[in-house]
Amino acid sequence: MEFSMIPLLLVVMLVLFILAVRRTEKVGLLQARGAKTIYVLICTLILWGISNTLLSVAGVYSSPSFLNLMPGLWLPMAPMVMSTGAVLSITNLRNALFTVAKYTPQHQLLYFQALRILALGTLIKAYRGEFPVYFAVFVGIPDLLFGLSAVIFGNVSRRRSFSRCFLIIWNVVGFIIILPAVPLFQMGLSGAMQVFTAEPTAMRLLEFPMVLAPTLIVPMFILVNLLAARQMAISSASGR
C-alpha cells in the first residue's frame, strides 16, 4: 500500500471538529447534552469510514456486482444524507451544531477549509500517471484554489471580520465546486455511465486509503460549508 496523507487528513479534521465542540462547551455556550449529540454524529461518521475501509480492503468495492449499483452516484452522498437527516430530525443536534458554528472564531472556520489545499496531492498523482487526469483537473484544481482562498481569507479575518453575506456566498461556492465530482466519479467507473476509460480510472477512488476521500473527507468539508452558511443566514435574518 502506497503512502497517503488521506488518513492523517481525516484525523486532523475530526480532531479540529472535536476541539471546536469542546471549546464551545468549556466556555458555557454549549450544554453537555448538546455536545453528546455531536459526538454521537462524529462516532457515526467514524464507523462509516471504518466500514468503507473494510469493504474496500476486502475487495467488495471492486466487484462487478457492486459496480453495477453505480456507487459513484450515491456512495459520496450517503454520509451527507445521514448527517442532514439527523440534523433535521434531532433538535438538540441541530441547535448544538449551530451553536458551535456561531461561536467558533471566523478565522478558524476559514482555516478548516484551508485543509483542501491537500488536493495538490491528487494533481501530483495525476501528473505521475497514478490518478485520473480528468478528475484532478475538474475537481482537484477548483478544490485546491478554494483551499488557497481559505488561507488568504483566514489570514485577513484575523485582523478584520468579513460580512456574513460574503461568507455565506463563499461557503456556498465551496459546496458548488464539489458537485461535479459525483457524476465524474461514476463516469470513470465501469458500467452504463462510463465515459472515461483511460487508465488509471476512477477505480482508484474506491481503493484504500483513497476511498476515504469521496466517502467521508469531501462530504465533511461540504457539511461544514453548509453548516457555516446556514448559521450565518440565520444570524443575518435575526439581526444577531
Protein backbone atom coordinates (compact mmCIF):
# COMPACT_ATOMS: atom_id res chain seq x y z
CA MET A 1 0.00 0.00 0.00
CA GLU A 2 1.40 3.38 -1.04
CA PHE A 3 1.89 6.24 1.38
CA SER A 4 -1.02 8.65 1.56
CA MET A 5 -1.93 11.74 3.58
CA ILE A 6 -5.63 10.83 3.39
CA PRO A 7 -5.90 9.04 6.79
CA LEU A 8 -3.90 11.80 8.51
CA LEU A 9 -6.10 14.47 6.94
CA LEU A 10 -9.21 12.70 8.21
CA VAL A 11 -7.78 12.51 11.74
CA VAL A 12 -6.88 16.22 11.68
CA MET A 13 -10.39 17.15 10.52
CA LEU A 14 -12.03 15.09 13.26
CA VAL A 15 -9.71 16.48 15.94
CA LEU A 16 -10.39 20.08 14.86
CA PHE A 17 -14.13 19.43 14.90
CA ILE A 18 -13.97 17.90 18.38
CA LEU A 19 -11.82 20.75 19.69
CA ALA A 20 -14.35 23.28 18.41
CA VAL A 21 -17.13 21.43 20.26
CA ARG A 22 -15.09 21.15 23.48
CA ARG A 23 -14.11 24.82 23.34
CA THR A 24 -17.72 25.93 22.95
CA GLU A 25 -18.82 23.64 25.78
CA LYS A 26 -15.97 24.72 28.08
CA VAL A 27 -16.93 28.40 27.97
CA GLY A 28 -20.52 27.54 28.84
CA LEU A 29 -22.09 28.25 25.46
CA LEU A 30 -22.96 24.62 24.76
CA GLN A 31 -24.69 22.25 27.14
CA ALA A 32 -23.26 18.78 27.74
CA ARG A 33 -26.39 17.17 26.30
CA GLY A 34 -25.95 19.03 23.03
CA ALA A 35 -22.24 18.18 22.89
CA LYS A 36 -23.05 14.50 23.32
CA THR A 37 -25.34 14.54 20.29
CA ILE A 38 -22.49 15.94 18.20
CA TYR A 39 -20.11 13.27 19.50
CA VAL A 40 -22.63 10.59 18.51
CA LEU A 41 -22.73 12.05 15.00
CA ILE A 42 -18.92 12.07 14.86
CA CYS A 43 -18.78 8.43 16.03
CA THR A 44 -21.33 7.52 13.35
CA LEU A 45 -19.15 9.11 10.67
CA ILE A 46 -16.10 7.29 12.03
CA LEU A 47 -17.95 3.98 11.84
CA TRP A 48 -18.94 4.84 8.27
CA GLY A 49 -15.27 5.45 7.44
CA ILE A 50 -14.24 2.15 9.04
CA SER A 51 -16.94 0.32 7.07
CA ASN A 52 -15.71 1.81 3.81
CA THR A 53 -12.15 0.87 4.68
CA LEU A 54 -13.03 -2.75 5.44
CA LEU A 55 -15.20 -3.16 2.35
CA SER A 56 -12.55 -1.63 0.13
CA VAL A 57 -9.73 -3.76 1.53
CA ALA A 58 -11.92 -6.87 1.24
CA GLY A 59 -12.39 -6.18 -2.47
CA VAL A 60 -16.14 -5.61 -2.25
CA TYR A 61 -15.92 -2.17 -3.85
CA SER A 62 -14.08 -3.54 -6.87
CA SER A 63 -16.51 -6.40 -7.51
CA PRO A 64 -18.71 -6.27 -10.64
CA SER A 65 -21.88 -6.73 -8.60
CA PHE A 66 -21.08 -3.63 -6.52
CA LEU A 67 -20.05 -1.55 -9.52
CA ASN A 68 -23.37 -2.40 -11.18
CA LEU A 69 -25.04 -0.44 -8.37
CA MET A 70 -23.42 2.77 -9.71
CA PRO A 71 -21.74 3.64 -6.40
CA GLY A 72 -20.23 6.84 -7.78
CA LEU A 73 -23.68 8.44 -7.69
CA TRP A 74 -24.65 7.54 -4.13
CA LEU A 75 -21.64 6.44 -2.09
CA PRO A 76 -20.31 10.00 -1.54
CA MET A 77 -23.84 11.20 -0.76
CA ALA A 78 -24.54 8.64 1.97
CA PRO A 79 -22.78 10.46 4.85
CA MET A 80 -24.37 13.74 3.80
CA VAL A 81 -27.83 12.19 3.76
CA MET A 82 -27.23 10.56 7.15
CA SER A 83 -25.89 13.76 8.71
CA THR A 84 -28.51 16.05 7.16
CA GLY A 85 -31.30 13.68 8.17
CA ALA A 86 -30.00 13.61 11.74
CA VAL A 87 -29.71 17.40 11.88
CA LEU A 88 -33.23 17.92 10.53
CA SER A 89 -34.85 15.35 12.82
CA ILE A 90 -32.91 15.87 16.08
CA THR A 91 -33.45 19.33 17.56
CA ASN A 92 -30.68 19.04 20.17
CA LEU A 93 -28.16 18.12 17.50
CA ARG A 94 -29.26 20.91 15.20
CA ASN A 95 -29.10 23.55 17.92
CA ALA A 96 -25.76 22.27 19.17
CA LEU A 97 -24.15 22.37 15.72
CA PHE A 98 -25.47 25.87 15.05
CA THR A 99 -24.13 26.99 18.43
CA VAL A 100 -20.65 25.63 17.67
CA ALA A 101 -20.68 27.27 14.25
CA LYS A 102 -21.86 30.57 15.74
CA TYR A 103 -19.21 30.81 18.44
CA THR A 104 -16.24 29.33 16.58
CA PRO A 105 -13.95 32.22 15.53
CA GLN A 106 -14.35 33.20 11.92
CA HIS A 107 -10.72 32.59 11.01
CA GLN A 108 -10.87 29.06 12.42
CA LEU A 109 -13.81 28.15 10.21
CA LEU A 110 -11.87 29.52 7.25
CA TYR A 111 -8.68 27.68 8.16
CA PHE A 112 -10.63 24.40 8.40
CA GLN A 113 -11.42 24.69 4.70
CA ALA A 114 -7.75 25.51 4.05
CA LEU A 115 -7.07 21.80 4.51
CA ARG A 116 -8.48 21.43 0.99
CA ILE A 117 -5.11 22.59 -0.37
CA LEU A 118 -4.07 18.97 0.08
CA ALA A 119 -5.93 18.43 -3.19
CA LEU A 120 -2.50 19.26 -4.55
CA GLY A 121 -1.68 15.63 -3.84
CA THR A 122 -4.21 14.45 -6.45
CA LEU A 123 -2.66 16.79 -9.02
CA ILE A 124 0.78 15.36 -8.32
CA LYS A 125 -0.56 11.81 -8.59
CA ALA A 126 -2.30 12.67 -11.86
CA TYR A 127 0.96 14.11 -13.23
CA ARG A 128 2.71 10.87 -12.30
CA GLY A 129 0.01 8.81 -14.01
CA GLU A 130 -1.31 7.44 -10.72
CA PHE A 131 -4.69 9.22 -10.70
CA PRO A 132 -7.37 10.11 -13.30
CA VAL A 133 -6.31 13.33 -15.01
CA TYR A 134 -9.88 14.46 -15.77
CA PHE A 135 -10.83 14.17 -12.09
CA ALA A 136 -7.77 16.08 -10.95
CA VAL A 137 -8.46 18.88 -13.44
CA PHE A 138 -12.20 19.34 -12.91
CA VAL A 139 -12.32 18.59 -9.17
CA GLY A 140 -8.79 18.80 -7.78
CA ILE A 141 -7.87 22.21 -9.20
CA PRO A 142 -11.06 24.02 -8.06
CA ASP A 143 -10.72 22.36 -4.64
CA LEU A 144 -7.09 23.48 -4.39
CA LEU A 145 -7.97 27.07 -5.34
CA PHE A 146 -10.75 27.13 -2.77
CA GLY A 147 -8.32 25.90 -0.13
CA LEU A 148 -5.86 28.63 -1.07
CA SER A 149 -8.61 31.24 -0.80
CA ALA A 150 -9.34 29.91 2.71
CA VAL A 151 -5.71 30.52 3.70
CA ILE A 152 -5.82 34.08 2.37
CA PHE A 153 -9.22 34.94 3.85
CA GLY A 154 -8.32 33.25 7.12
CA ASN A 155 -5.27 35.46 7.48
CA VAL A 156 -7.31 38.56 6.64
CA SER A 157 -10.08 37.63 9.11
CA ARG A 158 -7.59 37.63 11.98
CA ARG A 159 -7.37 41.40 11.51
CA ARG A 160 -10.92 42.21 10.42
CA SER A 161 -14.14 40.25 10.06
CA PHE A 162 -15.82 39.55 6.74
CA SER A 163 -19.52 40.26 6.32
CA ARG A 164 -21.95 37.39 6.80
CA CYS A 165 -23.15 37.82 3.21
CA PHE A 166 -19.64 37.35 1.85
CA LEU A 167 -19.02 34.24 3.95
CA ILE A 168 -22.39 32.73 3.02
CA ILE A 169 -21.56 33.11 -0.66
CA TRP A 170 -18.01 31.82 -0.13
CA ASN A 171 -19.23 28.70 1.69
CA VAL A 172 -21.88 28.04 -0.95
CA VAL A 173 -19.17 28.25 -3.61
CA GLY A 174 -17.16 25.70 -1.62
CA PHE A 175 -20.15 23.38 -1.89
CA ILE A 176 -20.92 24.03 -5.56
CA ILE A 177 -17.40 23.36 -6.86
CA ILE A 178 -17.59 19.83 -5.49
CA LEU A 179 -20.91 18.94 -7.15
CA PRO A 180 -19.30 17.84 -10.47
CA ALA A 181 -17.33 15.23 -8.53
CA VAL A 182 -20.37 12.95 -8.20
CA PRO A 183 -21.19 12.40 -11.91
CA LEU A 184 -17.49 12.46 -12.82
CA PHE A 185 -16.85 9.75 -10.24
CA GLN A 186 -19.46 7.47 -11.81
CA MET A 187 -18.36 8.32 -15.35
CA GLY A 188 -14.98 6.83 -14.53
CA LEU A 189 -16.33 3.54 -13.18
CA SER A 190 -17.26 0.55 -15.29
CA GLY A 191 -20.93 0.42 -16.18
CA ALA A 192 -23.57 2.09 -18.31
CA MET A 193 -22.39 5.62 -17.48
CA GLN A 194 -18.67 5.06 -18.05
CA VAL A 195 -17.13 7.69 -20.31
CA PHE A 196 -13.53 7.87 -19.13
CA THR A 197 -11.84 4.54 -19.80
CA ALA A 198 -8.16 5.51 -19.92
CA GLU A 199 -6.02 4.15 -17.10
CA PRO A 200 -5.93 4.97 -14.29
CA THR A 201 -9.70 5.10 -13.93
CA ALA A 202 -11.89 6.31 -11.09
CA MET A 203 -11.46 2.86 -9.56
CA ARG A 204 -8.55 4.47 -7.72
CA LEU A 205 -11.15 6.35 -5.69
CA LEU A 206 -12.53 3.05 -4.41
CA GLU A 207 -9.15 1.79 -3.22
CA PHE A 208 -7.96 2.26 0.35
CA PRO A 209 -6.89 4.79 1.57
CA MET A 210 -8.17 6.98 -1.31
CA VAL A 211 -11.72 5.67 -0.73
CA LEU A 212 -11.89 7.81 2.42
CA ALA A 213 -11.75 10.99 0.30
CA PRO A 214 -15.02 10.69 -1.66
CA THR A 215 -16.87 8.76 1.05
CA LEU A 216 -16.01 10.85 4.11
CA ILE A 217 -13.45 13.65 3.79
CA VAL A 218 -15.09 15.59 0.96
CA PRO A 219 -18.60 15.19 2.44
CA MET A 220 -17.28 16.53 5.76
CA PHE A 221 -15.86 19.62 4.06
CA ILE A 222 -19.21 20.19 2.36
CA LEU A 223 -21.17 19.65 5.57
CA VAL A 224 -19.06 22.29 7.34
CA ASN A 225 -19.62 24.65 4.37
CA LEU A 226 -23.37 24.19 4.59
CA LEU A 227 -23.43 24.38 8.37
CA ALA A 228 -21.48 27.64 8.41
CA ALA A 229 -23.58 29.16 5.62
CA ARG A 230 -26.84 28.16 7.29
CA GLN A 231 -25.82 29.54 10.68
CA MET A 232 -24.74 32.86 9.16
CA ALA A 233 -28.01 33.08 7.25
CA ILE A 234 -29.95 32.52 10.49
CA SER A 235 -27.86 35.14 12.30
CA SER A 236 -28.40 37.64 9.49
CA ALA A 237 -32.15 37.05 9.49
CA SER A 238 -32.35 37.53 13.26
CA GLY A 239 -30.05 40.55 13.18
CA ARG A 240 -27.56 38.99 15.62
